[in-house]
Amino acid sequence: MTRSGTTRTEYTIVRNGQNDYYLVSAGAWTAYDSDYLTKAAEDKAAEFGYIEIHDVTNQWGVFAIAGPKTREVLREVIKDPNPEEALSNKTFPWLSQRNIELGMCPVKAIRVAYTGELGFELHHPIEMQNYIFDQVMEAGAEFDIKPFGIRAMDSMRLEKSYRLIPREMSIEYSAYESGLDRFVRLDKENDFIGKKALKDWQDRGASNGFVTMEVQGVVDADARGSEAIYKNGEVVGRATSGGFGWRCGKSLALGLVKKDLTSIGTELEIEILGEKYKSVVIEESPFDPANESLRS
């Protein structure tokens, strides 16, 4: 959060213990995040005491494994007396972390997935990366496991209306404009960076709002982000991301538009390669809105 109440960056934060945290940020933002955290720690040292930060980007690798057969694959390689119980919802629920062993490698496993599917992030010593990859691919062969890339993951996150830094979340928009209301707690006793600015945003009301849209009539091109969004010929916002959602069979666009145009069913237009297409505001998360796959 910035002092203006906008979004500076994003992390997955794991609490290892008392005053001990493991932060995971976007790979492309490593230098930026490291620099900011180091400087912030220096500023807060007098208030909180000694703060130590280690950049372990070059020491740890990450594999994301996702899909309905994820547990079956990991059961083949996890070193545990009861692998089924170790990976169960009861022992390893969604949004939790456990230290496990895959073969002979210690792994910090985090039950999160940016795909909207059942999944785990496998954080491992970088020197064991080839070993972990071979173990997982061998175990998954009977389930027809396949590597997937960033474009596939981006398509799946659009179907869940997941925000991305610096597109749907950025220093341009307040947390309220990005649709992050449920993560803002202004009633906290303690102060935090941007709290006063967010209170001001709340009092005066945000100018823009976040929407998920289905783009209709496109044939061979989808939105990508930064396209103008229109209402009655007037520019009312812009797309932040876009693409085709293969699980829901829809051409999708995420964007920010004027606040009074965010209601479900609102009809807008989006310009793609010089042509305008009808785009309708739909409910967030057109794929699995109840998060049944994530929690399965």
Protein backbone atom coordinates (compact mmCIF):
# COMPACT_ATOMS: atom_id res chain seq x y z
CA MET A 1 0.00 0.00 0.00
CA THR A 2 1.22 3.50 -0.80
CA ARG A 3 0.55 6.57 1.34
CA SER A 4 -2.07 7.54 -1.26
CA GLY A 5 -4.06 4.36 -0.59
CA THR A 6 -3.12 2.72 -3.88
CA THR A 7 -1.45 -0.66 -4.37
CA ARG A 8 2.34 -0.75 -4.44
CA THR A 9 2.90 -4.49 -4.86
CA GLU A 10 1.50 -7.89 -3.88
CA TYR A 11 2.82 -10.81 -1.83
CA THR A 12 1.91 -14.25 -0.66
CA ILE A 13 2.92 -14.08 3.02
CA VAL A 14 3.67 -17.20 5.03
CA ARG A 15 4.20 -16.96 8.77
CA ASN A 16 7.00 -19.35 9.68
CA GLY A 17 6.96 -18.44 13.36
CA GLN A 18 6.94 -15.59 15.82
CA ASN A 19 8.25 -12.54 13.92
CA ASP A 20 9.43 -14.75 11.05
CA TYR A 21 7.80 -14.37 7.63
CA TYR A 22 8.40 -15.73 4.14
CA LEU A 23 7.26 -13.38 1.35
CA VAL A 24 6.67 -14.42 -2.25
CA SER A 25 6.27 -11.69 -4.86
CA ALA A 26 6.17 -11.54 -8.66
CA GLY A 27 9.43 -12.69 -10.23
CA ALA A 28 9.69 -9.60 -12.43
CA TRP A 29 9.42 -7.38 -9.35
CA THR A 30 12.29 -8.91 -7.38
CA ALA A 31 14.64 -5.90 -7.45
CA TYR A 32 11.83 -3.40 -6.83
CA ASP A 33 10.35 -5.32 -3.89
CA SER A 34 13.73 -6.05 -2.33
CA ASP A 35 14.74 -2.40 -2.54
CA TYR A 36 11.45 -1.16 -1.09
CA LEU A 37 11.40 -3.65 1.79
CA THR A 38 15.02 -2.89 2.72
CA LYS A 39 14.35 0.84 2.83
CA ALA A 40 11.06 0.37 4.71
CA ALA A 41 12.84 -1.76 7.31
CA GLU A 42 15.39 0.99 7.86
CA ASP A 43 12.59 3.53 8.34
CA LYS A 44 10.74 1.31 10.82
CA ALA A 45 13.75 0.02 12.76
CA ALA A 46 13.34 2.60 15.52
CA GLU A 47 9.66 1.67 15.95
CA PHE A 48 9.91 -2.12 15.76
CA GLY A 49 13.52 -2.76 16.68
CA TYR A 50 15.92 -4.84 14.61
CA ILE A 51 14.48 -6.05 11.28
CA GLU A 52 16.46 -8.49 9.15
CA ILE A 53 15.63 -9.10 5.49
CA HIS A 54 17.13 -11.78 3.25
CA ASP A 55 16.58 -11.90 -0.51
CA VAL A 56 16.47 -15.65 -1.23
CA THR A 57 15.30 -15.36 -4.84
CA ASN A 58 18.41 -17.10 -6.17
CA GLN A 59 18.32 -19.77 -3.47
CA TRP A 60 14.75 -21.03 -3.84
CA GLY A 61 12.86 -22.24 -6.88
CA VAL A 62 9.10 -22.72 -7.22
CA PHE A 63 6.93 -25.17 -9.13
CA ALA A 64 3.17 -24.75 -9.28
CA ILE A 65 1.23 -27.98 -9.66
CA ALA A 66 -2.50 -27.67 -10.24
CA GLY A 67 -5.50 -29.69 -11.34
CA PRO A 68 -7.98 -32.22 -9.97
CA LYS A 69 -5.37 -35.02 -9.89
CA THR A 70 -2.76 -32.98 -7.98
CA ARG A 71 -3.03 -35.02 -4.77
CA GLU A 72 -2.74 -38.30 -6.66
CA VAL A 73 0.53 -37.10 -8.22
CA LEU A 74 2.04 -35.81 -4.97
CA ARG A 75 1.06 -38.97 -3.06
CA GLU A 76 3.48 -40.86 -5.31
CA VAL A 77 6.48 -38.78 -4.28
CA ILE A 78 5.78 -37.38 -0.80
CA LYS A 79 7.85 -38.98 1.93
CA ASP A 80 5.28 -39.55 4.67
CA PRO A 81 3.94 -42.59 6.56
CA ASN A 82 0.41 -41.63 5.52
CA PRO A 83 0.61 -39.60 2.28
CA GLU A 84 -3.15 -39.51 1.80
CA GLU A 85 -3.71 -37.96 5.23
CA ALA A 86 -0.71 -35.60 4.85
CA LEU A 87 -2.28 -34.01 1.75
CA SER A 88 -5.90 -34.09 2.89
CA ASN A 89 -8.07 -31.03 3.42
CA LYS A 90 -8.10 -31.72 7.14
CA THR A 91 -4.32 -31.79 7.50
CA PHE A 92 -3.42 -29.41 4.69
CA PRO A 93 -6.31 -26.98 4.09
CA TRP A 94 -6.53 -24.28 1.45
CA LEU A 95 -4.39 -21.20 2.20
CA SER A 96 -2.04 -23.02 4.54
CA GLN A 97 1.62 -24.08 4.38
CA ARG A 98 3.45 -27.24 5.41
CA ASN A 99 7.04 -28.45 5.26
CA ILE A 100 7.09 -31.77 3.44
CA GLU A 101 9.62 -34.00 1.70
CA LEU A 102 9.34 -34.96 -1.94
CA GLY A 103 11.70 -37.85 -2.46
CA MET A 104 14.87 -36.73 -0.75
CA CYS A 105 14.17 -32.99 -1.06
CA PRO A 106 12.74 -30.73 1.68
CA VAL A 107 9.93 -28.60 0.26
CA LYS A 108 7.95 -25.68 1.62
CA ALA A 109 4.53 -26.47 0.15
CA ILE A 110 1.87 -23.74 0.04
CA ARG A 111 -1.77 -24.62 -0.71
CA VAL A 112 -2.46 -21.82 -3.18
CA ALA A 113 -3.05 -21.75 -6.93
CA TYR A 114 -3.39 -18.85 -9.36
CA THR A 115 -5.36 -21.09 -11.70
CA GLY A 116 -8.58 -21.57 -9.74
CA GLU A 117 -7.89 -25.30 -9.47
CA LEU A 118 -6.80 -27.51 -6.61
CA GLY A 119 -3.09 -26.79 -6.41
CA PHE A 120 0.13 -26.38 -4.48
CA GLU A 121 3.22 -24.23 -4.83
CA LEU A 122 6.37 -26.29 -4.19
CA HIS A 123 9.17 -24.04 -2.92
CA HIS A 124 12.48 -25.89 -2.95
CA PRO A 125 16.26 -25.33 -2.82
CA ILE A 126 17.19 -24.16 -6.30
CA GLU A 127 19.88 -26.82 -6.70
CA MET A 128 17.16 -29.49 -6.41
CA GLN A 129 14.97 -28.03 -9.16
CA ASN A 130 15.73 -30.59 -11.86
CA TYR A 131 15.30 -33.39 -9.34
CA ILE A 132 11.87 -32.14 -8.20
CA PHE A 133 10.73 -31.61 -11.79
CA ASP A 134 11.73 -35.15 -12.77
CA GLN A 135 10.06 -36.63 -9.67
CA VAL A 136 6.77 -34.83 -10.29
CA MET A 137 6.69 -35.51 -14.04
CA GLU A 138 7.45 -39.20 -13.52
CA ALA A 139 4.75 -39.53 -10.86
CA GLY A 140 2.26 -37.67 -13.05
CA ALA A 141 2.86 -39.63 -16.24
CA GLU A 142 -0.04 -42.00 -15.56
CA PHE A 143 -2.33 -38.97 -15.16
CA ASP A 144 -1.14 -37.42 -18.43
CA ILE A 145 0.59 -34.53 -16.63
CA LYS A 146 1.77 -31.66 -18.84
CA PRO A 147 3.85 -28.50 -18.21
CA PHE A 148 1.84 -25.30 -18.58
CA GLY A 149 3.10 -21.80 -19.18
CA ILE A 150 2.32 -18.24 -18.14
CA ARG A 151 -0.23 -17.68 -20.93
CA ALA A 152 -2.26 -20.69 -19.85
CA MET A 153 -2.12 -19.52 -16.24
CA ASP A 154 -3.14 -16.00 -17.30
CA SER A 155 -6.18 -17.38 -19.11
CA MET A 156 -7.22 -19.31 -16.02
CA ARG A 157 -6.75 -16.38 -13.65
CA LEU A 158 -9.01 -14.25 -15.87
CA GLU A 159 -11.76 -16.84 -15.39
CA LYS A 160 -11.40 -16.27 -11.64
CA SER A 161 -11.23 -12.46 -11.92
CA TYR A 162 -7.89 -12.57 -10.10
CA ARG A 163 -6.16 -9.21 -10.03
CA LEU A 164 -2.59 -8.79 -11.22
CA ILE A 165 0.05 -6.26 -10.31
CA PRO A 166 0.50 -3.80 -12.08
CA ARG A 167 -2.70 -4.18 -14.13
CA GLU A 168 -5.82 -4.45 -11.96
CA MET A 169 -3.81 -3.39 -8.93
CA SER A 170 -1.42 -0.47 -9.27
CA ILE A 171 -0.29 2.84 -7.85
CA GLU A 172 -2.92 4.45 -10.11
CA TYR A 173 -5.95 2.96 -8.36
CA SER A 174 -7.12 2.82 -4.77
CA ALA A 175 -7.79 -0.58 -3.23
CA TYR A 176 -11.50 0.24 -3.47
CA GLU A 177 -11.29 0.89 -7.21
CA SER A 178 -9.52 -2.45 -7.66
CA GLY A 179 -12.40 -4.18 -5.88
CA LEU A 180 -10.33 -5.14 -2.83
CA ASP A 181 -12.81 -3.85 -0.26
CA ARG A 182 -12.92 -7.14 1.68
CA PHE A 183 -9.19 -6.89 2.36
CA VAL A 184 -9.33 -3.37 3.83
CA ARG A 185 -9.80 -3.06 7.59
CA LEU A 186 -10.06 0.59 8.54
CA ASP A 187 -11.35 -0.37 12.00
CA LYS A 188 -7.94 -1.74 12.98
CA GLU A 189 -6.53 -0.09 16.07
CA ASN A 190 -3.04 0.11 14.68
CA ASP A 191 -2.13 2.53 11.95
CA PHE A 192 -0.83 1.31 8.58
CA ILE A 193 0.59 2.97 5.49
CA GLY A 194 -2.22 4.44 3.42
CA LYS A 195 -4.91 4.14 6.11
CA LYS A 196 -5.80 7.83 6.18
CA ALA A 197 -5.87 8.04 2.38
CA LEU A 198 -8.13 4.99 2.18
CA LYS A 199 -10.47 6.56 4.72
CA ASP A 200 -10.63 9.64 2.50
CA TRP A 201 -11.34 7.44 -0.55
CA GLN A 202 -14.12 5.72 1.38
CA ASP A 203 -15.67 9.01 2.50
CA ARG A 204 -15.72 10.64 -0.92
CA GLY A 205 -16.38 7.46 -2.89
CA ALA A 206 -14.23 5.96 -5.61
CA SER A 207 -14.55 7.32 -9.14
CA ASN A 208 -13.98 3.96 -10.81
CA GLY A 209 -14.92 0.36 -10.13
CA PHE A 210 -13.59 -3.05 -11.11
CA VAL A 211 -15.56 -5.18 -13.58
CA THR A 212 -15.37 -8.57 -15.25
CA MET A 213 -16.85 -8.50 -18.74
CA GLU A 214 -17.84 -11.02 -21.38
CA VAL A 215 -16.88 -9.70 -24.80
CA GLN A 216 -19.36 -10.77 -27.46
CA GLY A 217 -18.99 -11.20 -31.21
CA VAL A 218 -15.20 -11.53 -31.38
CA VAL A 219 -13.92 -14.05 -33.90
CA ASP A 220 -10.12 -14.18 -33.93
CA ALA A 221 -8.91 -11.62 -31.39
CA ASP A 222 -9.52 -11.06 -27.69
CA ALA A 223 -8.78 -8.10 -25.45
CA ARG A 224 -5.27 -7.99 -24.03
CA GLY A 225 -5.40 -4.96 -21.75
CA SER A 226 -5.33 -1.16 -22.21
CA GLU A 227 -8.25 -1.18 -24.67
CA ALA A 228 -10.74 1.70 -24.37
CA ILE A 229 -14.20 0.89 -22.95
CA TYR A 230 -17.16 2.90 -24.20
CA LYS A 231 -20.74 3.72 -23.21
CA ASN A 232 -22.89 5.55 -25.78
CA GLY A 233 -19.78 6.54 -27.72
CA GLU A 234 -18.01 8.03 -24.69
CA VAL A 235 -14.84 6.55 -23.18
CA VAL A 236 -15.77 5.41 -19.65
CA GLY A 237 -12.81 3.24 -18.71
CA ARG A 238 -10.18 0.85 -19.91
CA ALA A 239 -9.48 -2.85 -19.94
CA THR A 240 -6.66 -3.95 -17.69
CA SER A 241 -6.39 -7.56 -18.92
CA GLY A 242 -8.15 -9.83 -21.36
CA GLY A 243 -8.12 -13.18 -23.10
CA PHE A 244 -10.16 -16.30 -23.80
CA GLY A 245 -11.38 -18.44 -20.91
CA TRP A 246 -11.20 -21.99 -22.19
CA ARG A 247 -12.99 -23.58 -19.23
CA CYS A 248 -16.00 -21.27 -19.42
CA GLY A 249 -15.87 -20.75 -23.19
CA LYS A 250 -16.01 -16.96 -23.04
CA SER A 251 -13.91 -14.07 -24.31
CA LEU A 252 -13.18 -12.13 -21.13
CA ALA A 253 -11.88 -8.72 -20.17
CA LEU A 254 -11.14 -7.25 -16.77
CA GLY A 255 -11.22 -3.49 -16.42
CA LEU A 256 -11.97 -0.33 -14.51
CA VAL A 257 -14.95 1.82 -15.51
CA LYS A 258 -16.96 4.64 -14.02
CA LYS A 259 -18.50 3.53 -10.74
CA ASP A 260 -22.11 3.84 -11.93
CA LEU A 261 -21.44 1.35 -14.75
CA THR A 262 -20.30 -1.61 -12.64
CA SER A 263 -23.69 -3.29 -12.11
CA ILE A 264 -24.13 -6.85 -13.42
CA GLY A 265 -25.73 -6.79 -16.86
CA THR A 266 -24.49 -3.33 -17.82
CA GLU A 267 -23.84 -3.23 -21.57
CA LEU A 268 -20.65 -1.51 -22.72
CA GLU A 269 -18.40 -1.59 -25.76
CA ILE A 270 -14.71 -2.39 -25.99
CA GLU A 271 -12.41 -1.53 -28.87
CA ILE A 272 -10.22 -4.35 -30.14
CA LEU A 273 -7.99 -3.79 -33.20
CA GLY A 274 -10.04 -0.80 -34.27
CA GLU A 275 -13.42 -2.51 -33.98
CA LYS A 276 -15.95 -2.05 -31.18
CA TYR A 277 -17.55 -5.11 -29.59
CA LYS A 278 -20.39 -5.43 -27.13
CA SER A 279 -19.15 -6.28 -23.64
CA VAL A 280 -21.46 -7.15 -20.77
CA VAL A 281 -20.56 -6.84 -17.09
CA ILE A 282 -20.87 -10.30 -15.50
CA GLU A 283 -20.38 -11.74 -12.04
CA GLU A 284 -16.81 -12.14 -10.87
CA SER A 285 -15.22 -15.56 -11.23
CA PRO A 286 -17.18 -16.98 -14.19
CA PHE A 287 -15.39 -20.29 -13.55
CA ASP A 288 -16.23 -22.02 -10.26
CA PRO A 289 -17.56 -18.97 -8.37
CA ALA A 290 -18.02 -21.03 -5.18
CA ASN A 291 -14.30 -22.02 -5.20
CA GLU A 292 -15.20 -25.71 -4.99
CA SER A 293 -12.18 -26.73 -7.08
CA LEU A 294 -9.74 -24.71 -4.93
CA ARG A 295 -11.13 -26.19 -1.73
CA SER A 296 -11.57 -29.74 -3.01
